[in-house]
Amino acid sequence: MRALVLEGKTNPIVRSAAVGILRESRARPTDDLAEARALHNFVANRVRYTRDVEGVETLQAPWITLAESAGDCDDKATLLAALLKASGNRARLSFRAIGTDSRNPGQFRHVYLVGMFPGVGRFPLDATRSGTLAGWEFPKPTVALEVPL
């Protein structure tokens, strides 16, 4: 996922999408958190959650997720990270993998993005489901791991 973000942040399609989303949102150009919220809202509400092919875990490049307007949690987290990086956002980003099933407490089932924003601190950016607000995260996961980008 990290490699896809690093490749995606310099992709002209991803950069153009980030600029267009931010322009449309009217977020102040130097407000990293407002920009993150705008990009989060785009990914949450305009990219359809679509599961991987049955029985096959896949990772999609950010520009493919944009072109298809579809992806699962790892695809949406990777796209959001690439959009943030492509727009020059200064937040330090991590992927957070969590377990959500009490019947399988050690199994990771979900991944999303977390940002450390100057002057704000830790701020979750789970854009997996439509309508989810920036700042929300799954309460009391059974297991959690954060991997810095």
N, C-alpha and C. Protein backbone atom coordinates (compact mmCIF):
# COMPACT_ATOMS: atom_id res chain seq x y z
N MET A 1 0.82 -1.19 0.00
CA MET A 1 0.00 0.00 0.00
C MET A 1 0.87 1.26 0.00
N ARG A 2 1.94 1.22 0.79
CA ARG A 2 2.84 2.37 0.85
C ARG A 2 3.42 2.68 -0.53
N ALA A 3 3.86 1.64 -1.25
CA ALA A 3 4.43 1.83 -2.58
C ALA A 3 3.40 2.43 -3.54
N LEU A 4 2.15 2.00 -3.43
CA LEU A 4 1.10 2.56 -4.30
C LEU A 4 0.85 4.03 -3.99
N VAL A 5 0.93 4.41 -2.72
CA VAL A 5 0.77 5.83 -2.36
C VAL A 5 1.92 6.64 -2.92
N LEU A 6 3.14 6.15 -2.75
CA LEU A 6 4.31 6.89 -3.23
C LEU A 6 4.28 7.05 -4.75
N GLU A 7 3.83 6.03 -5.45
CA GLU A 7 3.70 6.13 -6.89
C GLU A 7 2.51 7.02 -7.27
N GLY A 8 1.43 6.89 -6.53
CA GLY A 8 0.22 7.64 -6.82
C GLY A 8 0.33 9.14 -6.59
N LYS A 9 1.13 9.54 -5.60
CA LYS A 9 1.19 10.97 -5.28
C LYS A 9 1.81 11.81 -6.40
N THR A 10 2.59 11.18 -7.28
CA THR A 10 3.19 11.91 -8.40
C THR A 10 2.48 11.64 -9.72
N ASN A 11 1.43 10.85 -9.68
CA ASN A 11 0.67 10.55 -10.89
C ASN A 11 -0.16 11.77 -11.27
N PRO A 12 -0.07 12.26 -12.51
CA PRO A 12 -0.80 13.47 -12.90
C PRO A 12 -2.32 13.34 -12.76
N ILE A 13 -2.85 12.14 -12.92
CA ILE A 13 -4.30 11.94 -12.77
C ILE A 13 -4.71 12.16 -11.32
N VAL A 14 -3.91 11.64 -10.39
CA VAL A 14 -4.19 11.79 -8.97
C VAL A 14 -4.02 13.25 -8.55
N ARG A 15 -2.95 13.88 -9.00
CA ARG A 15 -2.72 15.29 -8.67
C ARG A 15 -3.86 16.16 -9.19
N SER A 16 -4.26 15.95 -10.43
CA SER A 16 -5.35 16.73 -11.02
C SER A 16 -6.65 16.52 -10.25
N ALA A 17 -6.92 15.28 -9.87
CA ALA A 17 -8.14 15.00 -9.09
C ALA A 17 -8.09 15.72 -7.75
N ALA A 18 -6.95 15.67 -7.07
CA ALA A 18 -6.81 16.34 -5.77
C ALA A 18 -7.07 17.84 -5.89
N VAL A 19 -6.46 18.47 -6.88
CA VAL A 19 -6.64 19.91 -7.09
C VAL A 19 -8.11 20.23 -7.38
N GLY A 20 -8.73 19.43 -8.23
CA GLY A 20 -10.14 19.66 -8.57
C GLY A 20 -11.06 19.49 -7.38
N ILE A 21 -10.82 18.46 -6.58
CA ILE A 21 -11.64 18.22 -5.39
C ILE A 21 -11.49 19.39 -4.41
N LEU A 22 -10.26 19.84 -4.21
CA LEU A 22 -10.02 20.93 -3.26
C LEU A 22 -10.60 22.25 -3.79
N ARG A 23 -10.48 22.47 -5.06
CA ARG A 23 -11.06 23.69 -5.65
C ARG A 23 -12.58 23.68 -5.45
N GLU A 24 -13.21 22.56 -5.75
CA GLU A 24 -14.66 22.43 -5.60
C GLU A 24 -15.10 22.58 -4.14
N SER A 25 -14.27 22.13 -3.20
CA SER A 25 -14.62 22.17 -1.78
C SER A 25 -14.50 23.56 -1.17
N ARG A 26 -13.70 24.38 -1.78
CA ARG A 26 -13.40 25.73 -1.26
C ARG A 26 -12.66 25.71 0.08
N ALA A 27 -11.97 24.62 0.36
CA ALA A 27 -11.13 24.56 1.56
C ALA A 27 -10.00 25.57 1.42
N ARG A 28 -9.66 26.25 2.51
CA ARG A 28 -8.55 27.22 2.47
C ARG A 28 -7.26 26.49 2.11
N PRO A 29 -6.47 27.06 1.19
CA PRO A 29 -5.26 26.39 0.70
C PRO A 29 -4.23 26.02 1.76
N THR A 30 -4.20 26.68 2.88
CA THR A 30 -3.19 26.36 3.89
C THR A 30 -3.79 25.62 5.09
N ASP A 31 -5.03 25.23 5.02
CA ASP A 31 -5.70 24.53 6.12
C ASP A 31 -5.66 23.03 5.85
N ASP A 32 -4.62 22.37 6.36
CA ASP A 32 -4.41 20.95 6.11
C ASP A 32 -5.60 20.10 6.54
N LEU A 33 -6.20 20.41 7.68
CA LEU A 33 -7.32 19.61 8.15
C LEU A 33 -8.56 19.81 7.28
N ALA A 34 -8.84 21.03 6.87
CA ALA A 34 -9.98 21.28 5.99
C ALA A 34 -9.79 20.57 4.65
N GLU A 35 -8.58 20.59 4.13
CA GLU A 35 -8.30 19.87 2.88
C GLU A 35 -8.48 18.37 3.08
N ALA A 36 -8.00 17.85 4.20
CA ALA A 36 -8.15 16.42 4.48
C ALA A 36 -9.63 16.04 4.57
N ARG A 37 -10.42 16.88 5.22
CA ARG A 37 -11.87 16.61 5.30
C ARG A 37 -12.50 16.59 3.91
N ALA A 38 -12.12 17.54 3.07
CA ALA A 38 -12.68 17.61 1.71
C ALA A 38 -12.30 16.36 0.91
N LEU A 39 -11.04 15.95 0.97
CA LEU A 39 -10.60 14.76 0.24
C LEU A 39 -11.25 13.50 0.82
N HIS A 40 -11.35 13.43 2.14
CA HIS A 40 -12.04 12.31 2.79
C HIS A 40 -13.48 12.22 2.31
N ASN A 41 -14.19 13.34 2.29
CA ASN A 41 -15.60 13.34 1.88
C ASN A 41 -15.75 12.87 0.44
N PHE A 42 -14.83 13.28 -0.43
CA PHE A 42 -14.88 12.81 -1.81
C PHE A 42 -14.75 11.30 -1.88
N VAL A 43 -13.73 10.77 -1.22
CA VAL A 43 -13.49 9.32 -1.29
C VAL A 43 -14.64 8.56 -0.63
N ALA A 44 -15.13 9.05 0.50
CA ALA A 44 -16.21 8.36 1.21
C ALA A 44 -17.50 8.36 0.40
N ASN A 45 -17.80 9.48 -0.24
CA ASN A 45 -19.12 9.65 -0.85
C ASN A 45 -19.17 9.48 -2.37
N ARG A 46 -18.02 9.57 -3.03
CA ARG A 46 -18.04 9.49 -4.50
C ARG A 46 -17.31 8.27 -5.05
N VAL A 47 -16.65 7.52 -4.18
CA VAL A 47 -16.00 6.27 -4.59
C VAL A 47 -16.79 5.14 -3.93
N ARG A 48 -17.40 4.30 -4.74
CA ARG A 48 -18.27 3.24 -4.23
C ARG A 48 -17.45 2.16 -3.54
N TYR A 49 -17.90 1.76 -2.35
CA TYR A 49 -17.27 0.62 -1.69
C TYR A 49 -17.64 -0.64 -2.48
N THR A 50 -16.62 -1.34 -2.96
CA THR A 50 -16.82 -2.57 -3.71
C THR A 50 -15.77 -3.58 -3.22
N ARG A 51 -16.24 -4.73 -2.79
CA ARG A 51 -15.33 -5.76 -2.28
C ARG A 51 -14.40 -6.28 -3.38
N ASP A 52 -13.30 -6.90 -2.95
CA ASP A 52 -12.38 -7.56 -3.88
C ASP A 52 -13.08 -8.73 -4.55
N VAL A 53 -12.46 -9.22 -5.61
CA VAL A 53 -12.92 -10.44 -6.26
C VAL A 53 -12.99 -11.53 -5.18
N GLU A 54 -14.02 -12.35 -5.23
CA GLU A 54 -14.20 -13.38 -4.20
C GLU A 54 -12.95 -14.24 -4.04
N GLY A 55 -12.46 -14.30 -2.80
CA GLY A 55 -11.33 -15.15 -2.47
C GLY A 55 -9.97 -14.62 -2.88
N VAL A 56 -9.90 -13.40 -3.40
CA VAL A 56 -8.63 -12.85 -3.87
C VAL A 56 -8.42 -11.45 -3.27
N GLU A 57 -7.41 -11.31 -2.41
CA GLU A 57 -7.09 -9.99 -1.87
C GLU A 57 -6.30 -9.22 -2.92
N THR A 58 -6.82 -8.07 -3.31
CA THR A 58 -6.14 -7.25 -4.32
C THR A 58 -5.88 -5.86 -3.77
N LEU A 59 -4.85 -5.23 -4.30
CA LEU A 59 -4.54 -3.84 -4.00
C LEU A 59 -4.57 -3.08 -5.32
N GLN A 60 -5.31 -2.02 -5.35
CA GLN A 60 -5.53 -1.25 -6.57
C GLN A 60 -4.73 0.05 -6.52
N ALA A 61 -4.14 0.44 -7.62
CA ALA A 61 -3.45 1.72 -7.69
C ALA A 61 -4.45 2.86 -7.54
N PRO A 62 -4.05 3.97 -6.94
CA PRO A 62 -4.97 5.09 -6.71
C PRO A 62 -5.64 5.60 -7.98
N TRP A 63 -4.93 5.66 -9.10
CA TRP A 63 -5.53 6.17 -10.33
C TRP A 63 -6.56 5.19 -10.89
N ILE A 64 -6.41 3.91 -10.59
CA ILE A 64 -7.42 2.92 -11.00
C ILE A 64 -8.68 3.11 -10.14
N THR A 65 -8.49 3.30 -8.84
CA THR A 65 -9.64 3.54 -7.96
C THR A 65 -10.40 4.79 -8.41
N LEU A 66 -9.67 5.83 -8.81
CA LEU A 66 -10.31 7.03 -9.34
C LEU A 66 -11.07 6.73 -10.64
N ALA A 67 -10.43 6.03 -11.55
CA ALA A 67 -11.05 5.73 -12.85
C ALA A 67 -12.29 4.86 -12.70
N GLU A 68 -12.23 3.91 -11.79
CA GLU A 68 -13.35 2.99 -11.57
C GLU A 68 -14.40 3.58 -10.62
N SER A 69 -13.99 4.59 -9.84
CA SER A 69 -14.84 5.14 -8.77
C SER A 69 -15.34 4.02 -7.86
N ALA A 70 -14.45 3.06 -7.58
CA ALA A 70 -14.82 1.91 -6.75
C ALA A 70 -13.57 1.27 -6.16
N GLY A 71 -13.73 0.71 -4.96
CA GLY A 71 -12.65 -0.02 -4.31
C GLY A 71 -13.06 -0.40 -2.90
N ASP A 72 -12.28 -1.29 -2.29
CA ASP A 72 -12.57 -1.68 -0.91
C ASP A 72 -11.80 -0.79 0.05
N CYS A 73 -11.76 -1.17 1.32
CA CYS A 73 -11.18 -0.29 2.33
C CYS A 73 -9.71 0.04 2.06
N ASP A 74 -8.92 -0.96 1.65
CA ASP A 74 -7.50 -0.67 1.40
C ASP A 74 -7.32 0.21 0.16
N ASP A 75 -8.16 0.02 -0.85
CA ASP A 75 -8.08 0.86 -2.05
C ASP A 75 -8.47 2.31 -1.73
N LYS A 76 -9.50 2.48 -0.92
CA LYS A 76 -9.95 3.83 -0.57
C LYS A 76 -8.93 4.53 0.34
N ALA A 77 -8.32 3.79 1.27
CA ALA A 77 -7.30 4.37 2.13
C ALA A 77 -6.07 4.77 1.32
N THR A 78 -5.68 3.93 0.37
CA THR A 78 -4.54 4.23 -0.49
C THR A 78 -4.81 5.45 -1.36
N LEU A 79 -6.01 5.51 -1.94
CA LEU A 79 -6.39 6.68 -2.74
C LEU A 79 -6.37 7.95 -1.90
N LEU A 80 -6.96 7.91 -0.72
CA LEU A 80 -7.00 9.10 0.13
C LEU A 80 -5.60 9.56 0.49
N ALA A 81 -4.73 8.63 0.84
CA ALA A 81 -3.34 8.98 1.17
C ALA A 81 -2.64 9.61 -0.03
N ALA A 82 -2.83 9.05 -1.22
CA ALA A 82 -2.20 9.60 -2.43
C ALA A 82 -2.74 10.99 -2.74
N LEU A 83 -4.04 11.20 -2.58
CA LEU A 83 -4.62 12.54 -2.81
C LEU A 83 -4.05 13.56 -1.82
N LEU A 84 -3.94 13.17 -0.57
CA LEU A 84 -3.36 14.08 0.44
C LEU A 84 -1.92 14.43 0.10
N LYS A 85 -1.13 13.42 -0.23
CA LYS A 85 0.28 13.65 -0.57
C LYS A 85 0.41 14.46 -1.87
N ALA A 86 -0.44 14.16 -2.86
CA ALA A 86 -0.38 14.87 -4.14
C ALA A 86 -0.72 16.34 -4.00
N SER A 87 -1.50 16.67 -2.98
CA SER A 87 -1.88 18.08 -2.77
C SER A 87 -0.95 18.79 -1.80
N GLY A 88 0.10 18.12 -1.36
CA GLY A 88 1.09 18.75 -0.49
C GLY A 88 0.69 18.84 0.96
N ASN A 89 -0.30 18.08 1.38
CA ASN A 89 -0.75 18.11 2.76
C ASN A 89 0.40 17.71 3.68
N ARG A 90 0.53 18.43 4.80
CA ARG A 90 1.67 18.22 5.71
C ARG A 90 1.44 17.20 6.80
N ALA A 91 0.27 16.59 6.85
CA ALA A 91 -0.01 15.60 7.89
C ALA A 91 0.92 14.40 7.74
N ARG A 92 1.35 13.85 8.87
CA ARG A 92 2.05 12.56 8.86
C ARG A 92 0.98 11.48 8.83
N LEU A 93 1.07 10.58 7.88
CA LEU A 93 0.01 9.60 7.66
C LEU A 93 0.43 8.20 8.08
N SER A 94 -0.56 7.44 8.55
CA SER A 94 -0.38 6.02 8.88
C SER A 94 -1.59 5.25 8.40
N PHE A 95 -1.35 4.01 8.04
CA PHE A 95 -2.46 3.09 7.81
C PHE A 95 -2.76 2.42 9.15
N ARG A 96 -4.02 2.33 9.50
CA ARG A 96 -4.43 1.64 10.73
C ARG A 96 -5.25 0.42 10.33
N ALA A 97 -4.73 -0.75 10.69
CA ALA A 97 -5.43 -2.00 10.45
C ALA A 97 -6.06 -2.44 11.77
N ILE A 98 -7.33 -2.86 11.70
CA ILE A 98 -8.03 -3.26 12.93
C ILE A 98 -8.79 -4.56 12.72
N GLY A 99 -9.08 -5.20 13.84
CA GLY A 99 -9.99 -6.33 13.88
C GLY A 99 -11.33 -5.84 14.38
N THR A 100 -12.41 -6.34 13.78
CA THR A 100 -13.75 -5.88 14.15
C THR A 100 -14.67 -7.02 14.55
N ASP A 101 -14.17 -8.25 14.54
CA ASP A 101 -15.00 -9.42 14.78
C ASP A 101 -14.60 -10.09 16.10
N SER A 102 -15.47 -10.02 17.09
CA SER A 102 -15.15 -10.59 18.41
C SER A 102 -15.00 -12.11 18.35
N ARG A 103 -15.53 -12.75 17.31
CA ARG A 103 -15.36 -14.21 17.16
C ARG A 103 -13.96 -14.56 16.67
N ASN A 104 -13.29 -13.61 16.00
CA ASN A 104 -11.91 -13.78 15.52
C ASN A 104 -11.10 -12.57 15.97
N PRO A 105 -10.83 -12.45 17.28
CA PRO A 105 -10.27 -11.21 17.82
C PRO A 105 -8.89 -10.81 17.30
N GLY A 106 -8.10 -11.73 16.81
CA GLY A 106 -6.76 -11.40 16.33
C GLY A 106 -6.67 -11.17 14.84
N GLN A 107 -7.79 -11.25 14.15
CA GLN A 107 -7.80 -11.15 12.68
C GLN A 107 -8.08 -9.71 12.24
N PHE A 108 -7.18 -9.18 11.41
CA PHE A 108 -7.38 -7.85 10.84
C PHE A 108 -8.43 -7.93 9.74
N ARG A 109 -9.44 -7.06 9.80
CA ARG A 109 -10.53 -7.11 8.85
C ARG A 109 -10.75 -5.78 8.12
N HIS A 110 -10.08 -4.74 8.58
CA HIS A 110 -10.37 -3.40 8.05
C HIS A 110 -9.11 -2.54 8.14
N VAL A 111 -8.98 -1.61 7.19
CA VAL A 111 -7.86 -0.68 7.21
C VAL A 111 -8.37 0.71 6.80
N TYR A 112 -7.79 1.72 7.42
CA TYR A 112 -8.12 3.10 7.09
C TYR A 112 -6.93 3.99 7.38
N LEU A 113 -7.06 5.26 7.08
CA LEU A 113 -5.97 6.22 7.22
C LEU A 113 -6.12 7.03 8.50
N VAL A 114 -4.98 7.35 9.11
CA VAL A 114 -4.93 8.24 10.26
C VAL A 114 -3.89 9.31 9.97
N GLY A 115 -4.22 10.55 10.23
CA GLY A 115 -3.28 11.65 10.04
C GLY A 115 -2.90 12.29 11.36
N MET A 116 -1.66 12.72 11.46
CA MET A 116 -1.19 13.56 12.57
C MET A 116 -1.02 14.95 11.97
N PHE A 117 -1.91 15.85 12.36
CA PHE A 117 -1.96 17.19 11.76
C PHE A 117 -1.33 18.22 12.67
N PRO A 118 -0.50 19.11 12.10
CA PRO A 118 0.10 20.17 12.89
C PRO A 118 -0.98 20.99 13.61
N GLY A 119 -0.83 21.15 14.91
CA GLY A 119 -1.77 21.94 15.69
C GLY A 119 -3.06 21.22 16.04
N VAL A 120 -3.26 20.02 15.53
CA VAL A 120 -4.50 19.26 15.77
C VAL A 120 -4.20 17.95 16.48
N GLY A 121 -3.19 17.23 16.00
CA GLY A 121 -2.86 15.91 16.53
C GLY A 121 -3.48 14.81 15.69
N ARG A 122 -3.73 13.69 16.33
CA ARG A 122 -4.22 12.49 15.66
C ARG A 122 -5.66 12.70 15.19
N PHE A 123 -5.91 12.32 13.91
CA PHE A 123 -7.24 12.50 13.33
C PHE A 123 -7.52 11.36 12.37
N PRO A 124 -8.49 10.47 12.69
CA PRO A 124 -8.79 9.34 11.81
C PRO A 124 -9.52 9.79 10.55
N LEU A 125 -9.23 9.09 9.44
CA LEU A 125 -9.83 9.39 8.14
C LEU A 125 -10.29 8.08 7.51
N ASP A 126 -11.38 7.53 8.03
CA ASP A 126 -11.92 6.28 7.50
C ASP A 126 -12.98 6.61 6.46
N ALA A 127 -12.59 6.52 5.20
CA ALA A 127 -13.47 6.90 4.08
C ALA A 127 -14.12 5.68 3.44
N THR A 128 -14.19 4.58 4.15
CA THR A 128 -14.69 3.34 3.57
C THR A 128 -16.17 3.40 3.22
N ARG A 129 -16.98 3.88 4.12
CA ARG A 129 -18.44 3.88 3.93
C ARG A 129 -18.94 5.28 3.62
N SER A 130 -19.88 5.35 2.71
CA SER A 130 -20.52 6.61 2.36
C SER A 130 -21.19 7.20 3.59
N GLY A 131 -21.04 8.50 3.77
CA GLY A 131 -21.68 9.19 4.88
C GLY A 131 -20.86 9.22 6.15
N THR A 132 -19.76 8.48 6.21
CA THR A 132 -18.91 8.49 7.40
C THR A 132 -18.16 9.81 7.49
N LEU A 133 -18.24 10.46 8.63
CA LEU A 133 -17.58 11.75 8.81
C LEU A 133 -16.10 11.57 9.11
N ALA A 134 -15.30 12.48 8.60
CA ALA A 134 -13.88 12.51 8.96
C ALA A 134 -13.80 12.68 10.47
N GLY A 135 -12.90 11.95 11.10
CA GLY A 135 -12.75 12.00 12.54
C GLY A 135 -13.36 10.81 13.26
N TRP A 136 -14.26 10.08 12.58
CA TRP A 136 -14.87 8.90 13.18
C TRP A 136 -13.96 7.69 12.99
N GLU A 137 -13.96 6.80 13.97
CA GLU A 137 -13.30 5.51 13.79
C GLU A 137 -14.03 4.44 14.60
N PHE A 138 -13.83 3.19 14.19
CA PHE A 138 -14.49 2.05 14.81
C PHE A 138 -14.14 2.00 16.30
N PRO A 139 -15.15 1.94 17.18
CA PRO A 139 -14.86 1.90 18.61
C PRO A 139 -14.43 0.50 19.07
N LYS A 140 -13.45 0.46 19.91
CA LYS A 140 -13.00 -0.77 20.56
C LYS A 140 -12.70 -1.92 19.60
N PRO A 141 -11.75 -1.74 18.69
CA PRO A 141 -11.38 -2.87 17.82
C PRO A 141 -10.78 -4.00 18.66
N THR A 142 -10.86 -5.21 18.13
CA THR A 142 -10.32 -6.37 18.85
C THR A 142 -8.79 -6.42 18.76
N VAL A 143 -8.23 -5.82 17.72
CA VAL A 143 -6.79 -5.73 17.53
C VAL A 143 -6.54 -4.51 16.64
N ALA A 144 -5.39 -3.85 16.84
CA ALA A 144 -5.09 -2.67 16.03
C ALA A 144 -3.58 -2.55 15.81
N LEU A 145 -3.23 -2.05 14.65
CA LEU A 145 -1.84 -1.83 14.29
C LEU A 145 -1.76 -0.63 13.38
N GLU A 146 -0.88 0.34 13.69
CA GLU A 146 -0.67 1.50 12.82
C GLU A 146 0.69 1.41 12.17
N VAL A 147 0.70 1.59 10.83
CA VAL A 147 1.93 1.50 10.06
C VAL A 147 2.15 2.85 9.37
N PRO A 148 3.20 3.59 9.78
CA PRO A 148 3.46 4.90 9.16
C PRO A 148 3.78 4.78 7.68
N LEU A 149 3.36 5.78 6.93
CA LEU A 149 3.69 5.84 5.50
C LEU A 149 5.10 6.34 5.32
